[in-house]
Amino acid sequence: MTETLFLRNDEIMDLATPAEYVDVVREGYREHGEGAPAEPRRLLANEEPPGMMTGYFAVLPEAGAMGGYTYAAGFGNRDAHFILPLFDVESGEPLAVLDGAGLNPFKTGAAGAVGVDALAREDASRLGVIGSGTQARGQVLATATVRDLDTISVYSRTPDNREAFATEMDDRLDATVEAVETSAAAVSGQDIVITATNASEPVFESAALDPGTHVTAMGQYNSEKREIDGTTVARSTYVVDLNGRLEQDAGAYIMAREEGAIDADHVHAELGEVVAGEAAGRTSTEEITVLDSGGTGIETVAVAKLLYDRASQKGLGETIEFTPASEAFL
């Protein structure tokens, strides 16, 4: 029998800071940029009851772990459940099973912040956010660890939501956070723009973007949906978290190609290649950069290993057992 740690959500949520999430996720992307394997999510959609079953995986040899997410969303109770299996990269044995929903916005926010750190101007201090949900919170908290932010402007379609977001983030961060009434106000004059929505169509007009802006578009992973338009993609140095997404679910890129705004060689690099120094990041102060971040097993495994190590040190979790195939098979 193989002993494995089961970690509940409330046991892991206070084990690491946003900055620590960013540090391990940066190392995970560096590993991938140097050759560690990762694949984009695979999604199975169900019509009745409506829902999806999906997952994605990565192997991070230097971190000593591999694994990823498996989760179901929608279906009868219109909710989502995230299971995160983590394996030892040397032995192949399961290290832990994590209740993975609570950590999701922090690990996804960390991936966005790695992109900001690699692609935004060093002096970037003004952040615009479109979206006011859990994922937007994760993005802002992580981004604040890689740039010294002075102001944050947030827009969402529901006034009460954007006002609540602004009040909460203003209390938590040193930056001045305000709610604005239009997406253009959240984009114009900013150094960094983050889109964290479930929108099917672009959430701002490209003309609102100032030269030198970095955009992280992280709310969509669907070939027929996008948060940024073809003009924005065409204007940008376009970086994707995983190349495998380009023909699968990077909707902004796919639709920009279909419209003729770009051709196939418009992609500058994967994020890991930039982090590893295999490809250049920003090369000028006037350049518009885009990170298309749909979520990968890279940040998932990196964060899970961090939390597993911390939990083990503190004696947290419950030991469960798995039977290896050598014992279970007839």
Protein backbone atom coordinates (compact mmCIF):
# COMPACT_ATOMS: atom_id res chain seq x y z
CA MET A 1 0.00 0.00 0.00
CA THR A 2 1.13 3.55 -0.73
CA GLU A 3 0.41 6.21 1.86
CA THR A 4 -0.90 9.47 0.40
CA LEU A 5 -1.88 12.75 2.04
CA PHE A 6 -5.41 14.07 1.61
CA LEU A 7 -5.51 17.84 2.10
CA ARG A 8 -8.77 19.70 2.67
CA ASN A 9 -9.38 23.21 1.43
CA ASP A 10 -9.34 24.81 4.88
CA GLU A 11 -6.00 23.18 5.67
CA ILE A 12 -4.15 24.67 2.72
CA MET A 13 -5.61 28.13 2.18
CA ASP A 14 -3.30 29.95 4.60
CA LEU A 15 -0.10 28.04 3.84
CA ALA A 16 1.40 30.47 1.30
CA THR A 17 1.26 34.13 0.32
CA PRO A 18 0.47 35.44 -3.18
CA ALA A 19 4.17 36.28 -3.63
CA GLU A 20 5.14 32.70 -2.78
CA TYR A 21 2.61 31.38 -5.28
CA VAL A 22 4.17 33.62 -7.94
CA ASP A 23 7.70 32.47 -7.13
CA VAL A 24 6.97 28.76 -7.56
CA VAL A 25 4.81 29.31 -10.65
CA ARG A 26 7.61 31.34 -12.25
CA GLU A 27 9.96 28.41 -11.66
CA GLY A 28 7.40 26.02 -13.11
CA TYR A 29 7.17 28.04 -16.32
CA ARG A 30 10.95 28.27 -16.47
CA GLU A 31 11.09 24.47 -16.27
CA HIS A 32 8.57 24.15 -19.07
CA GLY A 33 10.51 26.67 -21.14
CA GLU A 34 13.53 24.42 -20.74
CA GLY A 35 11.66 21.31 -21.80
CA ALA A 36 9.45 20.02 -18.96
CA PRO A 37 6.29 18.51 -20.48
CA ALA A 38 2.83 20.05 -20.15
CA GLU A 39 -0.33 19.78 -22.21
CA PRO A 40 -3.39 22.05 -22.41
CA ARG A 41 -6.69 21.02 -20.92
CA ARG A 42 -8.88 18.41 -22.51
CA LEU A 43 -12.58 19.15 -22.21
CA LEU A 44 -15.54 16.85 -22.56
CA ALA A 45 -18.84 18.71 -22.87
CA ASN A 46 -22.13 17.07 -21.97
CA GLU A 47 -25.46 18.28 -23.33
CA GLU A 48 -27.96 16.91 -20.84
CA PRO A 49 -27.51 17.67 -18.06
CA PRO A 50 -25.31 20.52 -19.35
CA GLY A 51 -21.79 20.47 -17.97
CA MET A 52 -18.17 19.72 -18.68
CA MET A 53 -15.52 17.31 -17.47
CA THR A 54 -12.01 18.58 -17.95
CA GLY A 55 -8.43 18.35 -16.80
CA TYR A 56 -4.82 19.19 -17.57
CA PHE A 57 -1.43 17.94 -16.47
CA ALA A 58 2.27 18.76 -16.25
CA VAL A 59 5.53 17.15 -15.14
CA LEU A 60 8.01 19.38 -13.29
CA PRO A 61 11.15 17.32 -12.63
CA GLU A 62 13.06 20.02 -10.75
CA ALA A 63 10.10 20.69 -8.49
CA GLY A 64 9.93 16.94 -7.91
CA ALA A 65 6.26 16.60 -8.75
CA MET A 66 3.74 15.96 -11.49
CA GLY A 67 -0.01 15.92 -11.72
CA GLY A 68 -2.74 18.43 -12.47
CA TYR A 69 -6.43 19.19 -12.24
CA THR A 70 -9.47 17.06 -12.87
CA TYR A 71 -12.76 18.83 -12.41
CA ALA A 72 -16.45 18.81 -13.27
CA ALA A 73 -18.52 21.95 -13.70
CA GLY A 74 -22.21 22.50 -14.32
CA PHE A 75 -24.36 19.38 -14.45
CA GLY A 76 -27.27 18.99 -12.07
CA ASN A 77 -26.24 21.23 -9.20
CA ARG A 78 -24.63 23.92 -11.41
CA ASP A 79 -21.48 23.89 -9.30
CA ALA A 80 -17.86 22.80 -9.75
CA HIS A 81 -15.58 20.38 -7.94
CA PHE A 82 -11.79 20.39 -8.37
CA ILE A 83 -9.61 17.39 -7.53
CA LEU A 84 -5.85 17.82 -7.69
CA PRO A 85 -3.73 14.64 -7.68
CA LEU A 86 -0.01 15.16 -7.05
CA PHE A 87 2.63 12.51 -7.75
CA ASP A 88 6.30 12.14 -6.91
CA VAL A 89 8.33 12.57 -10.08
CA GLU A 90 11.04 10.10 -9.04
CA SER A 91 8.98 7.13 -7.82
CA GLY A 92 5.68 7.86 -9.55
CA GLU A 93 3.86 7.34 -6.26
CA PRO A 94 0.94 9.58 -5.31
CA LEU A 95 2.05 12.24 -2.82
CA ALA A 96 -1.25 13.92 -2.17
CA VAL A 97 -4.80 14.55 -3.24
CA LEU A 98 -5.84 18.16 -2.72
CA ASP A 99 -9.29 19.67 -2.56
CA GLY A 100 -8.41 22.10 -5.32
CA ALA A 101 -11.15 24.70 -5.68
CA GLY A 102 -9.96 27.26 -3.13
CA LEU A 103 -6.43 27.53 -4.49
CA ASN A 104 -7.60 28.04 -8.08
CA PRO A 105 -7.72 31.86 -8.24
CA PHE A 106 -4.36 32.09 -6.47
CA LYS A 107 -2.53 29.73 -8.81
CA THR A 108 -4.19 31.29 -11.87
CA GLY A 109 -3.43 34.77 -10.57
CA ALA A 110 0.18 33.72 -10.08
CA ALA A 111 0.44 32.67 -13.74
CA GLY A 112 -0.91 36.05 -14.78
CA ALA A 113 1.58 37.81 -12.52
CA VAL A 114 4.45 35.82 -14.02
CA GLY A 115 3.31 37.15 -17.39
CA VAL A 116 3.13 40.71 -16.06
CA ASP A 117 6.62 40.39 -14.61
CA ALA A 118 8.00 39.06 -17.89
CA LEU A 119 6.18 41.39 -20.29
CA ALA A 120 5.02 44.60 -18.61
CA ARG A 121 7.21 47.68 -18.34
CA GLU A 122 9.36 47.74 -15.21
CA ASP A 123 7.83 51.07 -14.18
CA ALA A 124 4.23 49.93 -14.70
CA SER A 125 2.14 51.32 -11.85
CA ARG A 126 -1.40 51.73 -13.22
CA LEU A 127 -3.60 48.64 -13.48
CA GLY A 128 -6.98 48.32 -15.16
CA VAL A 129 -9.18 45.29 -14.49
CA ILE A 130 -12.29 44.16 -16.33
CA GLY A 131 -14.14 41.68 -14.16
CA SER A 132 -14.83 41.69 -10.45
CA GLY A 133 -15.15 38.03 -9.50
CA THR A 134 -12.91 35.56 -7.73
CA GLN A 135 -10.48 35.25 -10.63
CA ALA A 136 -10.09 39.03 -10.86
CA ARG A 137 -9.24 39.10 -7.16
CA GLY A 138 -6.57 36.45 -7.62
CA GLN A 139 -5.04 38.32 -10.55
CA VAL A 140 -4.88 41.65 -8.72
CA LEU A 141 -3.42 40.24 -5.51
CA ALA A 142 -0.70 38.42 -7.44
CA THR A 143 0.07 41.32 -9.79
CA ALA A 144 0.59 43.59 -6.79
CA THR A 145 3.54 41.40 -5.79
CA VAL A 146 5.48 41.97 -9.04
CA ARG A 147 4.83 45.67 -9.71
CA ASP A 148 4.56 48.67 -7.40
CA LEU A 149 0.99 49.66 -8.19
CA ASP A 150 -0.25 53.19 -7.53
CA THR A 151 -3.76 52.95 -8.95
CA ILE A 152 -6.18 50.18 -9.88
CA SER A 153 -9.35 50.82 -11.88
CA VAL A 154 -11.99 48.10 -12.04
CA TYR A 155 -14.99 47.76 -14.32
CA SER A 156 -17.70 45.14 -14.39
CA ARG A 157 -21.22 45.34 -15.76
CA THR A 158 -22.82 45.21 -12.28
CA PRO A 159 -22.17 48.44 -10.34
CA ASP A 160 -22.55 46.81 -6.91
CA ASN A 161 -19.97 44.15 -7.80
CA ARG A 162 -17.34 46.58 -9.03
CA GLU A 163 -17.88 48.86 -6.04
CA ALA A 164 -17.52 45.93 -3.63
CA PHE A 165 -14.38 44.79 -5.42
CA ALA A 166 -12.87 48.27 -5.25
CA THR A 167 -13.62 48.60 -1.53
CA GLU A 168 -12.15 45.20 -0.72
CA MET A 169 -8.97 45.65 -2.77
CA ASP A 170 -8.49 49.21 -1.51
CA ASP A 171 -8.45 47.81 2.03
CA ARG A 172 -6.05 44.98 1.17
CA LEU A 173 -3.52 46.79 -1.02
CA ASP A 174 -1.43 49.95 -0.84
CA ALA A 175 -2.71 51.09 -4.24
CA THR A 176 -5.71 53.35 -4.62
CA VAL A 177 -8.54 51.24 -6.06
CA GLU A 178 -11.58 52.75 -7.75
CA ALA A 179 -14.60 51.46 -9.62
CA VAL A 180 -15.16 52.99 -13.06
CA GLU A 181 -18.31 53.10 -15.18
CA THR A 182 -17.02 51.86 -18.55
CA SER A 183 -14.54 49.33 -19.85
CA ALA A 184 -12.80 52.12 -21.75
CA ALA A 185 -12.12 53.91 -18.46
CA ALA A 186 -10.53 50.72 -17.10
CA VAL A 187 -8.27 50.41 -20.16
CA SER A 188 -7.30 53.90 -21.28
CA GLY A 189 -4.17 55.31 -19.67
CA GLN A 190 -3.21 52.04 -17.97
CA ASP A 191 0.16 50.30 -17.95
CA ILE A 192 -1.36 46.86 -17.34
CA VAL A 193 -4.82 45.60 -18.28
CA ILE A 194 -6.31 42.32 -17.02
CA THR A 195 -9.48 40.78 -18.40
CA ALA A 196 -11.06 38.22 -16.09
CA THR A 197 -14.55 37.67 -17.45
CA ASN A 198 -16.82 35.03 -18.92
CA ALA A 199 -17.58 37.23 -21.94
CA SER A 200 -17.97 35.75 -25.40
CA GLU A 201 -17.12 38.97 -27.24
CA PRO A 202 -14.26 41.49 -26.76
CA VAL A 203 -14.68 43.51 -23.58
CA PHE A 204 -12.89 46.65 -24.79
CA GLU A 205 -12.03 48.36 -28.06
CA SER A 206 -8.42 48.13 -29.13
CA ALA A 207 -8.26 51.90 -29.71
CA ALA A 208 -8.52 52.39 -25.93
CA LEU A 209 -5.14 50.71 -25.39
CA ASP A 210 -2.21 53.08 -25.00
CA PRO A 211 1.19 52.20 -26.51
CA GLY A 212 3.30 50.32 -24.00
CA THR A 213 0.39 48.54 -22.31
CA HIS A 214 0.58 44.91 -21.25
CA VAL A 215 -2.65 42.88 -21.45
CA THR A 216 -3.32 39.62 -19.64
CA ALA A 217 -6.43 37.96 -21.10
CA MET A 218 -7.29 35.05 -18.84
CA GLY A 219 -11.05 34.59 -18.77
CA GLN A 220 -11.64 32.42 -21.83
CA TYR A 221 -10.46 29.06 -23.13
CA ASN A 222 -12.89 28.44 -25.96
CA SER A 223 -12.28 28.51 -29.68
CA GLU A 224 -15.44 30.57 -30.24
CA LYS A 225 -15.09 33.07 -27.40
CA ARG A 226 -12.62 35.87 -26.73
CA GLU A 227 -12.07 38.85 -24.45
CA ILE A 228 -9.80 40.79 -26.84
CA ASP A 229 -10.36 41.52 -30.52
CA GLY A 230 -8.27 40.70 -33.57
CA THR A 231 -6.87 44.20 -33.79
CA THR A 232 -5.48 43.96 -30.26
CA VAL A 233 -3.88 40.60 -31.05
CA ALA A 234 -2.43 42.00 -34.29
CA ARG A 235 -1.01 45.09 -32.54
CA SER A 236 0.68 43.02 -29.87
CA THR A 237 3.66 40.91 -29.13
CA TYR A 238 1.47 37.89 -28.49
CA VAL A 239 2.55 35.29 -25.92
CA VAL A 240 0.55 32.18 -25.02
CA ASP A 241 0.85 30.01 -21.92
CA LEU A 242 0.97 26.79 -24.00
CA ASN A 243 1.35 26.45 -27.76
CA GLY A 244 -1.03 23.51 -27.70
CA ARG A 245 -3.87 25.94 -27.04
CA LEU A 246 -3.37 27.80 -30.33
CA GLU A 247 -5.46 25.41 -32.41
CA GLN A 248 -7.65 24.25 -29.55
CA ASP A 249 -9.08 26.95 -27.28
CA ALA A 250 -7.12 30.23 -27.63
CA GLY A 251 -10.20 31.95 -29.03
CA ALA A 252 -8.63 35.40 -29.40
CA TYR A 253 -5.84 33.97 -31.57
CA ILE A 254 -8.07 31.57 -33.50
CA MET A 255 -10.61 34.25 -34.43
CA ALA A 256 -7.93 36.81 -35.25
CA ARG A 257 -6.53 34.32 -37.77
CA GLU A 258 -9.98 33.57 -39.19
CA GLU A 259 -10.54 37.29 -39.68
CA GLY A 260 -7.21 37.70 -41.44
CA ALA A 261 -5.89 40.05 -38.77
CA ILE A 262 -2.81 37.84 -38.22
CA ASP A 263 -1.16 34.83 -39.78
CA ALA A 264 0.14 31.66 -38.20
CA ASP A 265 3.58 33.04 -37.33
CA HIS A 266 2.22 35.94 -35.28
CA VAL A 267 2.80 34.08 -32.00
CA HIS A 268 5.95 35.43 -30.38
CA ALA A 269 6.59 32.67 -27.83
CA GLU A 270 5.25 30.55 -25.03
CA LEU A 271 5.40 32.16 -21.59
CA GLY A 272 7.88 29.54 -20.41
CA GLU A 273 10.26 30.41 -23.23
CA VAL A 274 10.25 34.04 -22.16
CA VAL A 275 10.74 33.18 -18.48
CA ALA A 276 13.58 30.79 -19.35
CA GLY A 277 15.30 33.41 -21.51
CA GLU A 278 14.78 31.37 -24.66
CA ALA A 279 12.73 34.21 -26.18
CA ALA A 280 12.78 37.94 -25.58
CA GLY A 281 10.14 39.60 -23.48
CA ARG A 282 9.37 43.28 -23.93
CA THR A 283 11.87 45.05 -26.18
CA SER A 284 10.54 48.63 -26.15
CA THR A 285 8.52 50.98 -23.97
CA GLU A 286 5.96 51.51 -26.76
CA GLU A 287 5.29 47.84 -27.42
CA ILE A 288 1.88 46.35 -26.63
CA THR A 289 2.23 42.88 -25.15
CA VAL A 290 -0.44 40.23 -24.62
CA LEU A 291 -0.41 37.09 -22.49
CA ASP A 292 -3.20 34.69 -23.45
CA SER A 293 -3.51 32.68 -20.25
CA GLY A 294 -6.06 29.88 -20.21
CA GLY A 295 -4.81 27.92 -17.22
CA THR A 296 -2.34 25.02 -17.35
CA GLY A 297 -1.02 22.16 -15.29
CA ILE A 298 2.24 24.06 -14.86
CA GLU A 299 0.99 26.49 -12.24
CA THR A 300 -1.27 23.81 -10.79
CA VAL A 301 1.54 21.35 -10.06
CA ALA A 302 3.95 24.05 -8.90
CA VAL A 303 1.47 25.40 -6.36
CA ALA A 304 0.30 21.96 -5.23
CA LYS A 305 3.87 20.91 -4.46
CA LEU A 306 4.42 24.08 -2.43
CA LEU A 307 1.26 23.46 -0.41
CA TYR A 308 2.03 19.77 0.03
CA ASP A 309 5.49 20.57 1.39
CA ARG A 310 4.10 23.18 3.79
CA ALA A 311 1.30 20.89 4.95
CA SER A 312 3.74 18.03 5.54
CA GLN A 313 5.97 20.27 7.63
CA LYS A 314 3.00 21.28 9.78
CA GLY A 315 1.58 17.79 10.13
CA LEU A 316 -1.63 18.67 8.32
CA GLY A 317 -3.86 16.39 6.33
CA GLU A 318 -5.18 12.87 6.58
CA THR A 319 -3.29 9.82 5.39
CA ILE A 320 -5.13 7.65 2.90
CA GLU A 321 -3.87 4.59 1.06
CA PHE A 322 -3.66 3.59 -2.59
CA THR A 323 -2.91 0.09 -3.80
CA PRO A 324 -0.17 0.02 -6.46
CA ALA A 325 -0.90 -1.90 -9.63
CA SER A 326 1.71 -4.52 -8.72
CA GLU A 327 -0.50 -5.52 -5.79
CA ALA A 328 -3.93 -4.83 -7.25
CA PHE A 329 -3.68 -6.52 -10.63
CA LEU A 330 -4.56 -10.20 -10.83
